Protein backbone atom coordinates (compact mmCIF):
# COMPACT_ATOMS: atom_id res chain seq x y z
CA MET A 1 0.17 -0.08 0.11
CA LYS A 2 2.70 2.60 0.60
CA ASN A 3 4.52 2.00 -2.51
CA PHE A 4 1.01 2.81 -4.21
CA LYS A 5 0.87 5.79 -2.24
CA GLU A 6 4.51 6.89 -2.66
CA ASN A 7 3.47 6.07 -6.57
CA ASN A 8 0.83 8.33 -6.72
CA ASP A 9 2.63 10.98 -5.14
CA LYS A 10 4.82 10.89 -7.59
CA ASN A 11 2.47 11.36 -10.47
CA TYR A 12 1.02 14.34 -8.29
CA ASP A 13 4.17 15.83 -8.17
CA PHE A 14 4.40 15.54 -12.12
CA VAL A 15 1.27 16.13 -13.02
CA LEU A 16 1.69 19.31 -10.68
CA LYS A 17 4.86 20.12 -12.67
CA GLN A 18 3.62 19.80 -16.17
CA LYS A 19 1.14 22.31 -15.44
CA VAL A 20 3.62 24.99 -14.21
CA VAL A 21 5.24 24.31 -17.31
CA GLU A 22 2.22 25.15 -19.12
CA ALA A 23 0.95 28.06 -17.27
CA LEU A 24 4.52 29.67 -17.65
CA ILE A 25 4.54 29.18 -21.37
CA PHE A 26 0.67 29.98 -21.82
CA SER A 27 1.12 33.31 -19.98
CA SER A 28 4.01 34.60 -21.59
CA SER A 29 3.71 36.77 -24.53
CA ASP A 30 7.33 36.05 -25.78
CA PRO A 31 8.85 32.51 -26.24
CA VAL A 32 10.34 30.96 -22.76
CA PRO A 33 13.60 30.08 -22.94
CA TYR A 34 14.44 26.69 -22.11
CA ASN A 35 16.97 27.88 -19.35
CA GLU A 36 14.21 30.28 -17.69
CA LEU A 37 11.72 26.82 -17.32
CA LEU A 38 14.84 25.08 -16.28
CA LYS A 39 14.72 27.56 -12.94
CA ARG A 40 11.41 26.06 -11.89
CA ILE A 41 11.77 22.46 -12.96
CA ILE A 42 15.69 22.09 -12.13
CA ASP A 43 15.73 18.13 -13.66
CA LYS A 44 16.61 18.23 -17.07
CA ASN A 45 15.05 14.18 -17.75
CA ILE A 46 11.82 15.84 -15.95
CA LEU A 47 11.54 18.90 -17.99
CA ASN A 48 12.49 16.81 -21.29
CA LYS A 49 9.23 14.89 -20.42
CA ILE A 50 6.81 17.74 -19.45
CA LEU A 51 7.95 19.41 -22.95
CA SER A 52 7.23 16.10 -25.15
CA ASN A 53 3.99 15.39 -23.03
CA LEU A 54 2.96 18.64 -23.80
CA GLU A 55 3.93 18.97 -27.69
CA LYS A 56 1.74 15.71 -27.91
CA LYS A 57 -1.17 17.16 -26.05
CA TYR A 58 -1.05 20.21 -28.06
CA LEU A 59 -0.29 18.65 -31.56
CA SER A 60 -3.56 18.00 -32.85
CA SER A 61 -5.53 21.23 -30.95
CA GLY A 62 -6.30 24.40 -32.10
CA ILE A 63 -2.96 25.49 -30.73
CA ASN A 64 0.44 24.15 -30.59
CA LEU A 65 3.65 23.97 -28.69
CA TYR A 66 6.59 25.26 -30.99
CA VAL A 67 9.69 25.50 -30.55
CA ILE A 68 12.09 28.23 -31.57
CA ASN A 69 15.81 27.99 -31.30
CA ASP A 70 15.85 26.59 -27.57
CA THR A 71 12.77 28.55 -26.48
CA TYR A 72 8.84 27.64 -25.88
CA ALA A 73 5.79 29.29 -27.24
CA PHE A 74 1.90 28.60 -27.73
CA ARG A 75 0.89 29.61 -30.96
CA THR A 76 -2.05 29.50 -33.40
CA SER A 77 -2.14 25.65 -35.33
CA LEU A 78 -1.83 26.45 -38.72
CA ASP A 79 -4.66 24.38 -39.78
CA VAL A 80 -6.64 26.93 -38.05
CA SER A 81 -4.85 30.13 -38.55
CA GLU A 82 -6.68 31.07 -41.73
CA PHE A 83 -9.70 31.28 -39.82
CA LEU A 84 -8.67 33.34 -37.25
CA ASN A 85 -7.72 36.40 -39.66
CA ILE A 86 -8.26 39.91 -37.62
CA GLU A 87 -8.10 42.98 -39.36
CA LYS A 88 -6.26 45.63 -38.11
CA ILE A 89 -3.97 48.86 -38.75
CA VAL A 90 -0.87 47.23 -40.21
CA PRO A 91 2.27 49.16 -39.56
CA LYS A 92 4.16 50.70 -42.74
CA PRO A 93 5.91 48.24 -44.92
CA LEU A 94 9.86 47.77 -44.83
CA SER A 95 12.03 50.16 -47.08
CA ARG A 96 13.70 48.14 -49.61
CA ALA A 97 16.96 48.72 -47.67
CA ALA A 98 15.49 47.56 -44.53
CA THR A 99 14.67 44.11 -46.09
CA GLU A 100 17.62 43.90 -47.77
CA THR A 101 19.85 44.40 -44.69
CA LEU A 102 17.09 41.88 -43.13
CA ALA A 103 17.78 39.36 -45.59
CA ILE A 104 21.44 39.90 -45.44
CA ILE A 105 21.74 39.97 -41.72
CA ALA A 106 19.72 36.75 -41.67
CA TYR A 107 21.80 34.51 -44.36
CA HIS A 108 25.08 35.93 -42.84
CA GLN A 109 25.02 36.39 -39.42
CA PRO A 110 26.98 36.99 -37.16
CA ILE A 111 28.01 40.33 -39.83
CA THR A 112 29.30 43.90 -39.42
CA ARG A 113 28.06 46.74 -40.87
CA SER A 114 30.67 47.07 -43.53
CA GLU A 115 30.05 43.69 -44.83
CA ILE A 116 26.45 44.25 -45.19
CA GLU A 117 27.43 47.54 -46.83
CA ASN A 118 29.88 45.55 -49.08
CA ILE A 119 27.10 42.82 -50.10
CA ARG A 120 24.47 45.55 -50.53
CA GLY A 121 26.99 47.81 -52.51
CA VAL A 122 26.07 50.93 -51.06
CA SER A 123 26.51 52.34 -47.29
CA LEU A 124 24.04 51.78 -44.70
CA SER A 125 22.02 54.93 -43.20
CA ARG A 126 21.84 54.34 -39.57
CA GLY A 127 18.30 54.84 -39.82
CA THR A 128 17.95 50.88 -41.67
CA LEU A 129 19.11 49.38 -38.27
CA ASP A 130 17.38 51.35 -35.95
CA VAL A 131 13.91 50.13 -37.65
CA LEU A 132 15.18 46.47 -37.46
CA LEU A 133 15.99 47.14 -34.02
CA GLU A 134 12.98 48.75 -33.00
CA LEU A 135 11.07 45.95 -34.50
CA GLN A 136 13.04 43.40 -32.42
CA TRP A 137 14.01 41.52 -35.35
CA ILE A 138 17.94 42.16 -35.18
CA GLN A 139 20.10 42.48 -31.88
CA PRO A 140 23.97 43.40 -31.81
CA GLY A 141 26.01 40.25 -31.66
CA TYR A 142 29.99 39.73 -30.47
CA ARG A 143 32.66 42.30 -31.60
CA LYS A 144 35.05 41.17 -34.29
CA SER A 145 38.65 40.33 -33.23
CA THR A 146 39.83 42.29 -36.13
CA PRO A 147 40.99 46.04 -36.55
CA GLY A 148 38.70 48.06 -34.43
CA ASN A 149 36.54 45.62 -33.14
CA PRO A 150 33.49 45.86 -35.36
CA LEU A 151 30.22 45.01 -34.11
CA THR A 152 28.16 41.91 -35.50
CA TRP A 153 24.52 42.04 -35.83
CA LYS A 154 22.39 38.78 -36.01
CA THR A 155 18.41 38.03 -35.86
CA THR A 156 16.56 37.44 -32.94
CA ASN A 157 13.94 35.01 -31.79
CA LEU A 158 11.39 37.26 -32.40
CA PHE A 159 11.97 37.59 -36.13
CA LEU A 160 12.49 33.46 -36.27
CA ASP A 161 8.82 33.57 -34.45
CA TYR A 162 7.30 36.04 -36.71
CA PHE A 163 8.57 34.46 -39.72
CA ASN A 164 7.07 30.67 -37.91
CA LEU A 165 10.61 29.59 -38.19
CA LYS A 166 12.06 27.07 -35.43
CA ASN A 167 15.50 27.47 -36.37
CA ILE A 168 17.67 29.60 -38.66
CA ARG A 169 18.21 26.52 -40.30
CA ASP A 170 14.41 26.98 -41.76
CA LEU A 171 15.20 29.99 -43.84
CA PRO A 172 14.67 29.00 -47.83
CA GLY A 173 18.01 28.16 -49.54
CA ILE A 174 18.59 29.70 -53.24
CA GLU A 175 16.66 26.64 -54.61
CA ASP A 176 13.95 27.18 -52.60
CA LEU A 177 13.34 30.38 -54.09
CA LYS A 178 13.74 29.68 -57.32
CA ASN A 179 11.53 26.68 -56.80
CA SER A 180 8.56 29.00 -55.74
CA GLY A 181 9.29 31.98 -58.52
CA LEU A 182 10.48 34.36 -55.85
CA LEU A 183 13.93 33.96 -58.24
CA ASP A 184 14.48 34.06 -61.65
CA LYS A 185 15.73 30.46 -62.51
CA ASN A 186 18.12 32.11 -65.76
CA LYS A 187 19.79 34.68 -64.02
CA VAL A 188 23.33 34.52 -62.54
CA ILE A 189 23.00 35.57 -58.82
CA PHE A 190 26.85 35.31 -57.68
CA ASN A 191 29.57 36.55 -59.80
CA ASP A 192 31.50 33.04 -59.22
CA GLN A 193 28.42 30.87 -60.07
CA SER A 194 28.85 29.40 -64.01
CA GLU A 195 26.07 29.03 -66.44
CA ASP A 196 26.43 25.48 -66.16
CA GLU A 197 25.71 25.66 -62.56
CA ILE A 198 22.24 27.14 -63.11
């Protein structure tokens, strides 16, 4: 009888911990870092089991547990998201310079300002980075150990979350962009790319 009671206590303890993790993720407007959850549930094995259980629990639900670069968030399931469109005032779209800069940072991160300018072929206005910083889509990275110790830039988890990416490796490659019609299949994109490779 004692073993049965102890087992029940363990199950109750696990269920309670799962509810705590679920509530923490659900109540947060931003994705919750794994390390933040680890402060509440100090046993990694238990936390991993809880996260796995929650992922399975919400798999066929209207909301799903998303893993975004080692952070966790509940998001509307892609199956039902089209039925939940809400009309609202859309902020002014990004300028061409900001869009190009964001794409360069996303695909070449961590990257310095001068490297961005070199790829774009024009100097970068301060306002361009400010817009992306204000949206919280980019953040400062480390300083390169080259003359002047230039600051690098990289994307944030909010960027991944906004574009529904789980990891930066989920960005579409050149072939994906060509197949979707966003790039001209017959156009040479890079100088070192020969006609045979296209």
